[in-house]
PDB file of N, CA and C in Angstrom:
ATOM      1  N   MET A   1      -3.370 -12.278   7.753  1.00  0.00           N
ATOM      2  CA  MET A   1      -3.405 -10.870   8.100  1.00  0.00           C
ATOM      3  C   MET A   1      -4.480 -10.200   7.239  1.00  0.00           C
ATOM      4  N   GLN A   2      -5.304  -9.383   7.865  1.00  0.00           N
ATOM      5  CA  GLN A   2      -6.284  -8.596   7.130  1.00  0.00           C
ATOM      6  C   GLN A   2      -5.558  -7.364   6.592  1.00  0.00           C
ATOM      7  N   CYS A   3      -5.717  -7.089   5.308  1.00  0.00           N
ATOM      8  CA  CYS A   3      -4.998  -6.004   4.656  1.00  0.00           C
ATOM      9  C   CYS A   3      -6.000  -5.009   4.084  1.00  0.00           C
ATOM     10  N   PHE A   4      -5.738  -3.724   4.327  1.00  0.00           N
ATOM     11  CA  PHE A   4      -6.586  -2.640   3.839  1.00  0.00           C
ATOM     12  C   PHE A   4      -5.792  -1.869   2.780  1.00  0.00           C
ATOM     13  N   VAL A   5      -6.405  -1.620   1.651  1.00  0.00           N
ATOM     14  CA  VAL A   5      -5.731  -0.978   0.527  1.00  0.00           C
ATOM     15  C   VAL A   5      -6.356   0.397   0.296  1.00  0.00           C
ATOM     16  N   TYR A   6      -5.494   1.417   0.214  1.00  0.00           N
ATOM     17  CA  TYR A   6      -5.931   2.790  -0.009  1.00  0.00           C
ATOM     18  C   TYR A   6      -5.258   3.337  -1.260  1.00  0.00           C
ATOM     19  N   ARG A   7      -6.010   4.011  -2.084  1.00  0.00           N
ATOM     20  CA  ARG A   7      -5.541   4.605  -3.339  1.00  0.00           C
ATOM     21  C   ARG A   7      -5.154   6.061  -3.094  1.00  0.00           C
ATOM     22  N   SER A   8      -4.010   6.458  -3.613  1.00  0.00           N
ATOM     23  CA  SER A   8      -3.584   7.848  -3.541  1.00  0.00           C
ATOM     24  C   SER A   8      -4.393   8.680  -4.533  1.00  0.00           C
ATOM     25  N   THR A   9      -4.886   9.839  -4.088  1.00  0.00           N
ATOM     26  CA  THR A   9      -5.615  10.727  -5.000  1.00  0.00           C
ATOM     27  C   THR A   9      -4.661  11.644  -5.763  1.00  0.00           C
ATOM     28  N   ARG A  10      -3.419  11.678  -5.357  1.00  0.00           N
ATOM     29  CA  ARG A  10      -2.445  12.571  -5.982  1.00  0.00           C
ATOM     30  C   ARG A  10      -1.515  11.842  -6.950  1.00  0.00           C
ATOM     31  N   ARG A  11      -1.256  10.571  -6.705  1.00  0.00           N
ATOM     32  CA  ARG A  11      -0.305   9.794  -7.502  1.00  0.00           C
ATOM     33  C   ARG A  11      -1.027   8.638  -8.187  1.00  0.00           C
ATOM     34  N   ASP A  12      -1.089   8.652  -9.510  1.00  0.00           N
ATOM     35  CA  ASP A  12      -1.746   7.585 -10.248  1.00  0.00           C
ATOM     36  C   ASP A  12      -1.108   6.233  -9.956  1.00  0.00           C
ATOM     37  N   ASP A  13      -1.945   5.224  -9.871  1.00  0.00           N
ATOM     38  CA  ASP A  13      -1.514   3.838  -9.723  1.00  0.00           C
ATOM     39  C   ASP A  13      -0.614   3.631  -8.493  1.00  0.00           C
ATOM     40  N   THR A  14      -0.868   4.385  -7.421  1.00  0.00           N
ATOM     41  CA  THR A  14      -0.101   4.281  -6.182  1.00  0.00           C
ATOM     42  C   THR A  14      -1.042   3.912  -5.052  1.00  0.00           C
ATOM     43  N   TYR A  15      -0.647   2.875  -4.295  1.00  0.00           N
ATOM     44  CA  TYR A  15      -1.505   2.334  -3.245  1.00  0.00           C
ATOM     45  C   TYR A  15      -0.731   2.145  -1.956  1.00  0.00           C
ATOM     46  N   LEU A  16      -1.408   2.396  -0.849  1.00  0.00           N
ATOM     47  CA  LEU A  16      -0.860   2.169   0.482  1.00  0.00           C
ATOM     48  C   LEU A  16      -1.594   0.975   1.075  1.00  0.00           C
ATOM     49  N   LEU A  17      -0.851  -0.031   1.487  1.00  0.00           N
ATOM     50  CA  LEU A  17      -1.426  -1.224   2.099  1.00  0.00           C
ATOM     51  C   LEU A  17      -1.035  -1.244   3.564  1.00  0.00           C
ATOM     52  N   THR A  18      -1.982  -1.508   4.442  1.00  0.00           N
ATOM     53  CA  THR A  18      -1.734  -1.527   5.868  1.00  0.00           C
ATOM     54  C   THR A  18      -2.650  -2.548   6.541  1.00  0.00           C
ATOM     55  N   ASP A  19      -2.330  -2.890   7.752  1.00  0.00           N
ATOM     56  CA  ASP A  19      -3.171  -3.823   8.512  1.00  0.00           C
ATOM     57  C   ASP A  19      -3.985  -3.093   9.576  1.00  0.00           C
ATOM     58  N   ARG A  20      -3.977  -1.778   9.555  1.00  0.00           N
ATOM     59  CA  ARG A  20      -4.618  -0.991  10.613  1.00  0.00           C
ATOM     60  C   ARG A  20      -5.862  -0.224  10.186  1.00  0.00           C
ATOM     61  N   GLY A  21      -6.403  -0.507   9.045  1.00  0.00           N
ATOM     62  CA  GLY A  21      -7.614   0.188   8.626  1.00  0.00           C
ATOM     63  C   GLY A  21      -7.369   1.662   8.411  1.00  0.00           C
ATOM     64  N   GLU A  22      -8.304   2.488   8.832  1.00  0.00           N
ATOM     65  CA  GLU A  22      -8.222   3.929   8.564  1.00  0.00           C
ATOM     66  C   GLU A  22      -7.376   4.699   9.568  1.00  0.00           C
ATOM     67  N   THR A  23      -6.476   4.029  10.240  1.00  0.00           N
ATOM     68  CA  THR A  23      -5.578   4.670  11.187  1.00  0.00           C
ATOM     69  C   THR A  23      -4.246   4.919  10.488  1.00  0.00           C
ATOM     70  N   PHE A  24      -3.873   6.197  10.327  1.00  0.00           N
ATOM     71  CA  PHE A  24      -2.661   6.530   9.583  1.00  0.00           C
ATOM     72  C   PHE A  24      -1.584   7.195  10.446  1.00  0.00           C
ATOM     73  N   GLU A  25      -1.729   7.152  11.768  1.00  0.00           N
ATOM     74  CA  GLU A  25      -0.738   7.798  12.641  1.00  0.00           C
ATOM     75  C   GLU A  25       0.654   7.182  12.494  1.00  0.00           C
ATOM     76  N   HIS A  26       0.721   5.928  12.101  1.00  0.00           N
ATOM     77  CA  HIS A  26       1.995   5.227  11.970  1.00  0.00           C
ATOM     78  C   HIS A  26       2.678   5.479  10.625  1.00  0.00           C
ATOM     79  N   ILE A  27       2.006   6.192   9.734  1.00  0.00           N
ATOM     80  CA  ILE A  27       2.570   6.501   8.413  1.00  0.00           C
ATOM     81  C   ILE A  27       3.312   7.835   8.506  1.00  0.00           C
ATOM     82  N   PRO A  28       4.546   7.907   8.005  1.00  0.00           N
ATOM     83  CA  PRO A  28       5.293   9.177   8.062  1.00  0.00           C
ATOM     84  C   PRO A  28       4.510  10.319   7.405  1.00  0.00           C
ATOM     85  N   GLY A  29       4.496  11.473   8.067  1.00  0.00           N
ATOM     86  CA  GLY A  29       3.759  12.640   7.583  1.00  0.00           C
ATOM     87  C   GLY A  29       4.164  13.069   6.190  1.00  0.00           C
ATOM     88  N   GLU A  30       5.449  13.022   5.895  1.00  0.00           N
ATOM     89  CA  GLU A  30       5.933  13.417   4.568  1.00  0.00           C
ATOM     90  C   GLU A  30       5.353  12.500   3.485  1.00  0.00           C
ATOM     91  N   LEU A  31       5.260  11.215   3.775  1.00  0.00           N
ATOM     92  CA  LEU A  31       4.677  10.279   2.819  1.00  0.00           C
ATOM     93  C   LEU A  31       3.192  10.575   2.617  1.00  0.00           C
ATOM     94  N   LEU A  32       2.483  10.835   3.696  1.00  0.00           N
ATOM     95  CA  LEU A  32       1.057  11.152   3.584  1.00  0.00           C
ATOM     96  C   LEU A  32       0.840  12.405   2.737  1.00  0.00           C
ATOM     97  N   GLN A  33       1.681  13.409   2.914  1.00  0.00           N
ATOM     98  CA  GLN A  33       1.571  14.631   2.106  1.00  0.00           C
ATOM     99  C   GLN A  33       1.812  14.318   0.634  1.00  0.00           C
ATOM    100  N   HIS A  34       2.782  13.488   0.363  1.00  0.00           N
ATOM    101  CA  HIS A  34       3.122  13.109  -1.011  1.00  0.00           C
ATOM    102  C   HIS A  34       1.966  12.358  -1.683  1.00  0.00           C
ATOM    103  N   LEU A  35       1.265  11.537  -0.911  1.00  0.00           N
ATOM    104  CA  LEU A  35       0.180  10.719  -1.463  1.00  0.00           C
ATOM    105  C   LEU A  35      -1.121  11.494  -1.625  1.00  0.00           C
ATOM    106  N   GLY A  36      -1.294  12.554  -0.865  1.00  0.00           N
ATOM    107  CA  GLY A  36      -2.561  13.287  -0.896  1.00  0.00           C
ATOM    108  C   GLY A  36      -3.619  12.523  -0.116  1.00  0.00           C
ATOM    109  N   ARG A  37      -4.866  12.839  -0.392  1.00  0.00           N
ATOM    110  CA  ARG A  37      -5.962  12.147   0.297  1.00  0.00           C
ATOM    111  C   ARG A  37      -5.960  10.680  -0.115  1.00  0.00           C
ATOM    112  N   LEU A  38      -6.178   9.803   0.859  1.00  0.00           N
ATOM    113  CA  LEU A  38      -6.234   8.366   0.588  1.00  0.00           C
ATOM    114  C   LEU A  38      -7.681   7.915   0.536  1.00  0.00           C
ATOM    115  N   GLU A  39      -8.026   7.200  -0.531  1.00  0.00           N
ATOM    116  CA  GLU A  39      -9.373   6.652  -0.691  1.00  0.00           C
ATOM    117  C   GLU A  39      -9.324   5.152  -0.458  1.00  0.00           C
ATOM    118  N   PHE A  40     -10.236   4.654   0.363  1.00  0.00           N
ATOM    119  CA  PHE A  40     -10.311   3.213   0.585  1.00  0.00           C
ATOM    120  C   PHE A  40     -10.640   2.529  -0.735  1.00  0.00           C
ATOM    121  N   ALA A  41      -9.857   1.510  -1.080  1.00  0.00           N
ATOM    122  CA  ALA A  41     -10.087   0.764  -2.320  1.00  0.00           C
ATOM    123  C   ALA A  41     -10.741  -0.582  -2.024  1.00  0.00           C
ATOM    124  N   PHE A  42     -10.111  -1.387  -1.166  1.00  0.00           N
ATOM    125  CA  PHE A  42     -10.674  -2.679  -0.797  1.00  0.00           C
ATOM    126  C   PHE A  42      -9.900  -3.286   0.364  1.00  0.00           C
ATOM    127  N   GLU A  43     -10.403  -4.395   0.871  1.00  0.00           N
ATOM    128  CA  GLU A  43      -9.830  -5.121   1.999  1.00  0.00           C
ATOM    129  C   GLU A  43      -9.781  -6.590   1.598  1.00  0.00           C
ATOM    130  N   PHE A  44      -8.728  -7.283   2.025  1.00  0.00           N
ATOM    131  CA  PHE A  44      -8.625  -8.706   1.700  1.00  0.00           C
ATOM    132  C   PHE A  44      -7.755  -9.422   2.727  1.00  0.00           C
ATOM    133  N   ALA A  45      -7.873 -10.748   2.751  1.00  0.00           N
ATOM    134  CA  ALA A  45      -7.049 -11.575   3.627  1.00  0.00           C
ATOM    135  C   ALA A  45      -5.718 -11.814   2.912  1.00  0.00           C
ATOM    136  N   LEU A  46      -4.636 -11.341   3.512  1.00  0.00           N
ATOM    137  CA  LEU A  46      -3.307 -11.459   2.920  1.00  0.00           C
ATOM    138  C   LEU A  46      -2.573 -12.633   3.548  1.00  0.00           C
ATOM    139  N   THR A  47      -2.086 -13.527   2.713  1.00  0.00           N
ATOM    140  CA  THR A  47      -1.285 -14.665   3.165  1.00  0.00           C
ATOM    141  C   THR A  47       0.065 -14.617   2.465  1.00  0.00           C
ATOM    142  N   PRO A  48       1.088 -15.253   3.025  1.00  0.00           N
ATOM    143  CA  PRO A  48       2.408 -15.252   2.376  1.00  0.00           C
ATOM    144  C   PRO A  48       2.385 -15.854   0.971  1.00  0.00           C
ATOM    145  N   GLU A  49       1.480 -16.768   0.729  1.00  0.00           N
ATOM    146  CA  GLU A  49       1.419 -17.456  -0.563  1.00  0.00           C
ATOM    147  C   GLU A  49       0.690 -16.649  -1.638  1.00  0.00           C
ATOM    148  N   ARG A  50      -0.008 -15.628  -1.229  1.00  0.00           N
ATOM    149  CA  ARG A  50      -0.847 -14.880  -2.174  1.00  0.00           C
ATOM    150  C   ARG A  50       0.003 -14.116  -3.186  1.00  0.00           C
ATOM    151  N   SER A  51      -0.391 -14.203  -4.440  1.00  0.00           N
ATOM    152  CA  SER A  51       0.275 -13.464  -5.506  1.00  0.00           C
ATOM    153  C   SER A  51      -0.474 -12.148  -5.707  1.00  0.00           C
ATOM    154  N   LEU A  52       0.271 -11.051  -5.765  1.00  0.00           N
ATOM    155  CA  LEU A  52      -0.314  -9.733  -5.964  1.00  0.00           C
ATOM    156  C   LEU A  52       0.152  -9.171  -7.303  1.00  0.00           C
ATOM    157  N   ALA A  53      -0.392  -8.051  -7.698  1.00  0.00           N
ATOM    158  CA  ALA A  53      -0.114  -7.484  -9.018  1.00  0.00           C
ATOM    159  C   ALA A  53       1.374  -7.237  -9.265  1.00  0.00           C
ATOM    160  N   ARG A  54       2.084  -6.685  -8.283  1.00  0.00           N
ATOM    161  CA  ARG A  54       3.486  -6.309  -8.506  1.00  0.00           C
ATOM    162  C   ARG A  54       4.464  -6.940  -7.533  1.00  0.00           C
ATOM    163  N   THR A  55       3.963  -7.789  -6.647  1.00  0.00           N
ATOM    164  CA  THR A  55       4.847  -8.425  -5.660  1.00  0.00           C
ATOM    165  C   THR A  55       4.162  -9.684  -5.139  1.00  0.00           C
ATOM    166  N   ASP A  56       4.644 -10.176  -4.023  1.00  0.00           N
ATOM    167  CA  ASP A  56       4.042 -11.364  -3.430  1.00  0.00           C
ATOM    168  C   ASP A  56       3.604 -11.057  -2.002  1.00  0.00           C
ATOM    169  N   GLY A  57       2.773 -11.899  -1.468  1.00  0.00           N
ATOM    170  CA  GLY A  57       2.228 -11.696  -0.128  1.00  0.00           C
ATOM    171  C   GLY A  57       3.293 -11.615   0.953  1.00  0.00           C
ATOM    172  N   ARG A  58       4.329 -12.450   0.868  1.00  0.00           N
ATOM    173  CA  ARG A  58       5.383 -12.461   1.890  1.00  0.00           C
ATOM    174  C   ARG A  58       6.078 -11.105   1.952  1.00  0.00           C
ATOM    175  N   THR A  59       6.369 -10.500   0.816  1.00  0.00           N
ATOM    176  CA  THR A  59       7.033  -9.193   0.788  1.00  0.00           C
ATOM    177  C   THR A  59       6.169  -8.132   1.454  1.00  0.00           C
ATOM    178  N   VAL A  60       4.885  -8.111   1.136  1.00  0.00           N
ATOM    179  CA  VAL A  60       3.973  -7.128   1.716  1.00  0.00           C
ATOM    180  C   VAL A  60       3.864  -7.334   3.222  1.00  0.00           C
ATOM    181  N   ILE A  61       3.711  -8.567   3.654  1.00  0.00           N
ATOM    182  CA  ILE A  61       3.622  -8.866   5.091  1.00  0.00           C
ATOM    183  C   ILE A  61       4.888  -8.407   5.805  1.00  0.00           C
ATOM    184  N   ASP A  62       6.049  -8.710   5.237  1.00  0.00           N
ATOM    185  CA  ASP A  62       7.321  -8.288   5.847  1.00  0.00           C
ATOM    186  C   ASP A  62       7.386  -6.773   6.017  1.00  0.00           C
ATOM    187  N   HIS A  63       6.996  -6.032   4.982  1.00  0.00           N
ATOM    188  CA  HIS A  63       7.021  -4.560   5.059  1.00  0.00           C
ATOM    189  C   HIS A  63       6.023  -4.046   6.105  1.00  0.00           C
ATOM    190  N   ILE A  64       4.839  -4.620   6.130  1.00  0.00           N
ATOM    191  CA  ILE A  64       3.829  -4.173   7.095  1.00  0.00           C
ATOM    192  C   ILE A  64       4.278  -4.475   8.519  1.00  0.00           C
ATOM    193  N   GLU A  65       4.849  -5.646   8.739  1.00  0.00           N
ATOM    194  CA  GLU A  65       5.325  -5.984  10.087  1.00  0.00           C
ATOM    195  C   GLU A  65       6.486  -5.098  10.517  1.00  0.00           C
ATOM    196  N   ARG A  66       7.350  -4.727   9.582  1.00  0.00           N
ATOM    197  CA  ARG A  66       8.523  -3.914   9.906  1.00  0.00           C
ATOM    198  C   ARG A  66       8.191  -2.421   9.976  1.00  0.00           C
ATOM    199  N   ASN A  67       7.378  -1.909   9.024  1.00  0.00           N
ATOM    200  CA  ASN A  67       7.140  -0.472   8.905  1.00  0.00           C
ATOM    201  C   ASN A  67       5.716  -0.034   9.217  1.00  0.00           C
ATOM    202  N   GLY A  68       4.784  -0.990   9.227  1.00  0.00           N
ATOM    203  CA  GLY A  68       3.388  -0.656   9.447  1.00  0.00           C
ATOM    204  C   GLY A  68       2.617  -0.413   8.159  1.00  0.00           C
ATOM    205  N   TYR A  69       3.307  -0.466   7.009  1.00  0.00           N
ATOM    206  CA  TYR A  69       2.648  -0.241   5.722  1.00  0.00           C
ATOM    207  C   TYR A  69       3.518  -0.783   4.601  1.00  0.00           C
ATOM    208  N   TYR A  70       2.900  -0.916   3.431  1.00  0.00           N
ATOM    209  CA  TYR A  70       3.610  -1.246   2.197  1.00  0.00           C
ATOM    210  C   TYR A  70       3.125  -0.254   1.145  1.00  0.00           C
ATOM    211  N   LEU A  71       4.034   0.328   0.407  1.00  0.00           N
ATOM    212  CA  LEU A  71       3.689   1.301  -0.624  1.00  0.00           C
ATOM    213  C   LEU A  71       3.900   0.664  -1.990  1.00  0.00           C
ATOM    214  N   GLN A  72       2.824   0.567  -2.771  1.00  0.00           N
ATOM    215  CA  GLN A  72       2.908   0.040  -4.132  1.00  0.00           C
ATOM    216  C   GLN A  72       2.854   1.205  -5.096  1.00  0.00           C
ATOM    217  N   MET A  73       3.906   1.325  -5.904  1.00  0.00           N
ATOM    218  CA  MET A  73       3.999   2.419  -6.866  1.00  0.00           C
ATOM    219  C   MET A  73       4.113   1.847  -8.269  1.00  0.00           C
ATOM    220  N   PRO A  74       3.826   2.664  -9.287  1.00  0.00           N
ATOM    221  CA  PRO A  74       3.938   2.166 -10.671  1.00  0.00           C
ATOM    222  C   PRO A  74       5.377   1.831 -11.029  1.00  0.00           C
ATOM    223  N   ASP A  75       5.518   0.890 -11.940  1.00  0.00           N
ATOM    224  CA  ASP A  75       6.843   0.568 -12.467  1.00  0.00           C
ATOM    225  C   ASP A  75       7.370   1.746 -13.267  1.00  0.00           C
ATOM    226  N   ARG A  76       8.676   1.892 -13.355  1.00  0.00           N
ATOM    227  CA  ARG A  76       9.269   2.991 -14.150  1.00  0.00           C
ATOM    228  C   ARG A  76       8.854   2.906 -15.605  1.00  0.00           C
ATOM    229  N   ASP A  77       8.802   1.701 -16.158  1.00  0.00           N
ATOM    230  CA  ASP A  77       8.393   1.550 -17.556  1.00  0.00           C
ATOM    231  C   ASP A  77       6.976   2.055 -17.757  1.00  0.00           C
ATOM    232  N   TYR A  78       6.114   1.794 -16.789  1.00  0.00           N
ATOM    233  CA  TYR A  78       4.735   2.217 -16.878  1.00  0.00           C
ATOM    234  C   TYR A  78       4.639   3.744 -16.853  1.00  0.00           C
ATOM    235  N   GLU A  79       5.443   4.376 -15.985  1.00  0.00           N
ATOM    236  CA  GLU A  79       5.395   5.836 -15.839  1.00  0.00           C
ATOM    237  C   GLU A  79       5.825   6.547 -17.121  1.00  0.00           C
ATOM    238  N   SER A  80       6.704   5.942 -17.908  1.00  0.00           N
ATOM    239  CA  SER A  80       7.225   6.628 -19.080  1.00  0.00           C
ATOM    240  C   SER A  80       6.334   6.454 -20.303  1.00  0.00           C
ATOM    241  N   THR A  81       5.294   5.637 -20.224  1.00  0.00           N
ATOM    242  CA  THR A  81       4.416   5.446 -21.382  1.00  0.00           C
ATOM    243  C   THR A  81       3.288   6.421 -21.396  1.00  0.00           C
TER     244      THR A  81
END
């Protein structure tokens, strides 16, 4: 699966991952408002075996197939430092 990663301009260390490129109609409006403007960060080939910074490829693929996106947010420990 080709995965597109967008950085939130409003929330530090928060990323939206999707397989649809710059099409955000499938993302809930309330979530888009919360994230602010989204900046394209990068694109990569996502496989179930791929290890990511805070999760694994299978989890991201499952979320994208079910919801159309995966939201990566900072860990609670990170937010409190």
